[in-house]
Protein backbone atom coordinates (compact mmCIF):
# COMPACT_ATOMS: atom_id res chain seq x y z
CA THR A 1 -19.32 -143.14 -28.13
CA GLN A 2 -20.99 -143.78 -24.80
CA VAL A 3 -23.99 -146.10 -24.88
CA GLU A 4 -26.55 -145.66 -22.12
CA ALA A 5 -27.76 -148.82 -20.41
CA VAL A 6 -29.48 -149.96 -17.24
CA SER A 7 -27.47 -152.59 -15.40
CA VAL A 8 -27.88 -154.38 -12.08
CA VAL A 9 -25.31 -155.96 -9.76
CA PRO A 10 -26.24 -158.26 -6.85
CA ALA A 11 -25.92 -156.47 -3.49
CA ASP A 12 -23.68 -159.25 -2.17
CA GLY A 13 -21.35 -158.94 -5.18
CA GLY A 14 -21.26 -160.75 -8.45
CA THR A 15 -21.47 -160.07 -12.12
CA GLU A 16 -23.02 -156.95 -13.60
CA GLU A 17 -26.04 -157.74 -15.79
CA THR A 18 -27.16 -155.29 -18.47
CA VAL A 19 -30.94 -155.10 -18.33
CA ALA A 20 -31.50 -152.78 -21.29
CA GLN A 21 -29.28 -151.03 -23.80
CA GLY A 22 -30.55 -147.49 -24.27
CA GLY A 23 -32.22 -147.58 -20.85
CA VAL A 24 -32.10 -144.52 -18.60
CA LEU A 25 -33.73 -143.15 -15.45
CA PRO A 26 -34.03 -146.37 -13.37
CA ALA A 27 -36.26 -146.58 -10.26
CA TRP A 28 -36.66 -149.60 -7.92
CA SER A 29 -40.13 -150.58 -6.69
CA PRO A 30 -40.78 -150.03 -2.97
CA ASP A 31 -40.26 -153.74 -2.21
CA GLY A 32 -37.06 -153.85 -4.30
CA THR A 33 -38.22 -156.64 -6.63
CA ARG A 34 -39.06 -154.66 -9.79
CA LEU A 35 -37.09 -152.05 -11.70
CA ALA A 36 -38.77 -149.39 -13.84
CA PHE A 37 -36.78 -147.43 -16.40
CA VAL A 38 -37.14 -145.57 -19.68
CA VAL A 39 -35.86 -146.81 -23.05
CA MET A 40 -35.29 -143.95 -25.48
CA SER A 41 -35.51 -144.08 -29.26
CA ASP A 42 -35.37 -141.29 -31.84
CA ARG A 43 -39.00 -140.27 -31.36
CA ASP A 44 -40.40 -142.25 -28.46
CA ALA A 45 -39.78 -143.06 -24.83
CA THR A 46 -40.98 -146.44 -23.55
CA LEU A 47 -41.58 -147.03 -19.85
CA VAL A 48 -40.40 -150.57 -19.06
CA VAL A 49 -40.57 -152.73 -15.92
CA ARG A 50 -38.11 -155.54 -15.21
CA GLU A 51 -40.02 -158.25 -13.38
CA PRO A 52 -38.48 -160.38 -10.57
CA ASP A 53 -37.94 -163.26 -13.02
CA GLY A 54 -35.90 -161.00 -15.31
CA THR A 55 -38.51 -160.56 -18.02
CA LEU A 56 -39.20 -157.08 -19.36
CA THR A 57 -42.72 -155.66 -19.57
CA GLU A 58 -43.34 -152.67 -21.82
CA VAL A 59 -45.84 -150.63 -19.83
CA VAL A 60 -46.44 -147.61 -22.05
CA THR A 61 -44.84 -145.83 -25.01
CA VAL A 62 -44.94 -142.05 -24.97
CA VAL A 63 -44.78 -140.49 -28.42
CA GLY A 64 -42.25 -137.73 -28.09
CA PRO A 65 -39.80 -137.02 -25.32
CA ILE A 66 -40.37 -137.83 -21.68
CA ARG A 67 -39.03 -135.31 -19.17
CA PRO A 68 -35.59 -136.26 -17.82
CA MET A 69 -36.98 -137.54 -14.52
CA PRO A 70 -37.19 -141.16 -13.43
CA PRO A 71 -40.63 -142.74 -13.07
CA VAL A 72 -41.94 -142.81 -9.50
CA TRP A 73 -43.54 -145.91 -7.95
CA SER A 74 -46.69 -145.69 -5.85
CA PRO A 75 -46.11 -146.79 -2.24
CA ASP A 76 -47.91 -150.10 -2.93
CA GLY A 77 -45.83 -150.80 -6.07
CA GLU A 78 -48.90 -151.15 -8.28
CA HIS A 79 -48.65 -147.88 -10.24
CA LEU A 80 -46.02 -145.66 -11.83
CA ALA A 81 -46.11 -141.90 -12.30
CA TYR A 82 -44.10 -140.10 -14.97
CA VAL A 83 -43.82 -136.63 -16.47
CA SER A 84 -44.41 -136.12 -20.18
CA SER A 85 -43.46 -133.04 -22.16
CA VAL A 86 -45.94 -133.96 -24.92
CA ASP A 87 -49.38 -133.03 -23.59
CA PRO A 88 -47.43 -131.79 -20.54
CA GLY A 89 -48.29 -133.09 -17.12
CA ILE A 90 -47.97 -135.94 -14.65
CA TYR A 91 -49.41 -139.29 -15.70
CA VAL A 92 -50.19 -142.37 -13.61
CA ILE A 93 -50.37 -145.88 -15.04
CA GLU A 94 -50.70 -149.39 -13.63
CA ALA A 95 -47.31 -151.11 -13.76
CA ARG A 96 -48.49 -153.79 -16.21
CA GLN A 97 -48.67 -154.24 -19.96
CA GLY A 98 -51.81 -152.96 -21.64
CA ALA A 99 -52.69 -150.40 -18.97
CA SER A 100 -53.82 -146.90 -19.97
CA PRO A 101 -52.17 -143.80 -18.52
CA HIS A 102 -54.25 -141.08 -16.88
CA ARG A 103 -53.09 -137.49 -16.65
CA ILE A 104 -53.54 -136.32 -13.07
CA ILE A 105 -51.85 -132.91 -13.33
CA GLU A 106 -51.94 -130.78 -16.46
CA GLY A 107 -49.16 -128.42 -17.51
CA ALA A 108 -45.41 -128.14 -17.12
CA VAL A 109 -43.99 -129.80 -14.02
CA ALA A 110 -40.52 -129.24 -12.54
CA GLY A 111 -40.60 -132.29 -10.26
CA PHE A 112 -42.81 -134.41 -8.02
CA ASP A 113 -42.90 -137.06 -5.32
CA TRP A 114 -45.54 -139.65 -4.46
CA ARG A 115 -46.66 -139.03 -0.87
């Protein structure tokens, strides 16, 4: 059985570090210091950010499946956008714990980019 995980390896070589078992869809922040990814469970998808010090911050939990697309960072690295298939649309949320998501586009979405 294959177990999904998000892992990082230093660019100059070194040991692989598993950041999260069950993590999928990783996306680096624009400045390369933070890593956003999705942790899947049976019913939920949790958007998580790995901070520069290695701690994990649970940003938001989406009840039901998230579309199989990685989260997208805003150019300033302060927000994340993601696509949900429950209450379909694109949502934006501050990349911090306790923030509330806001749906900015309603309906089914095939893909998007932050420009």
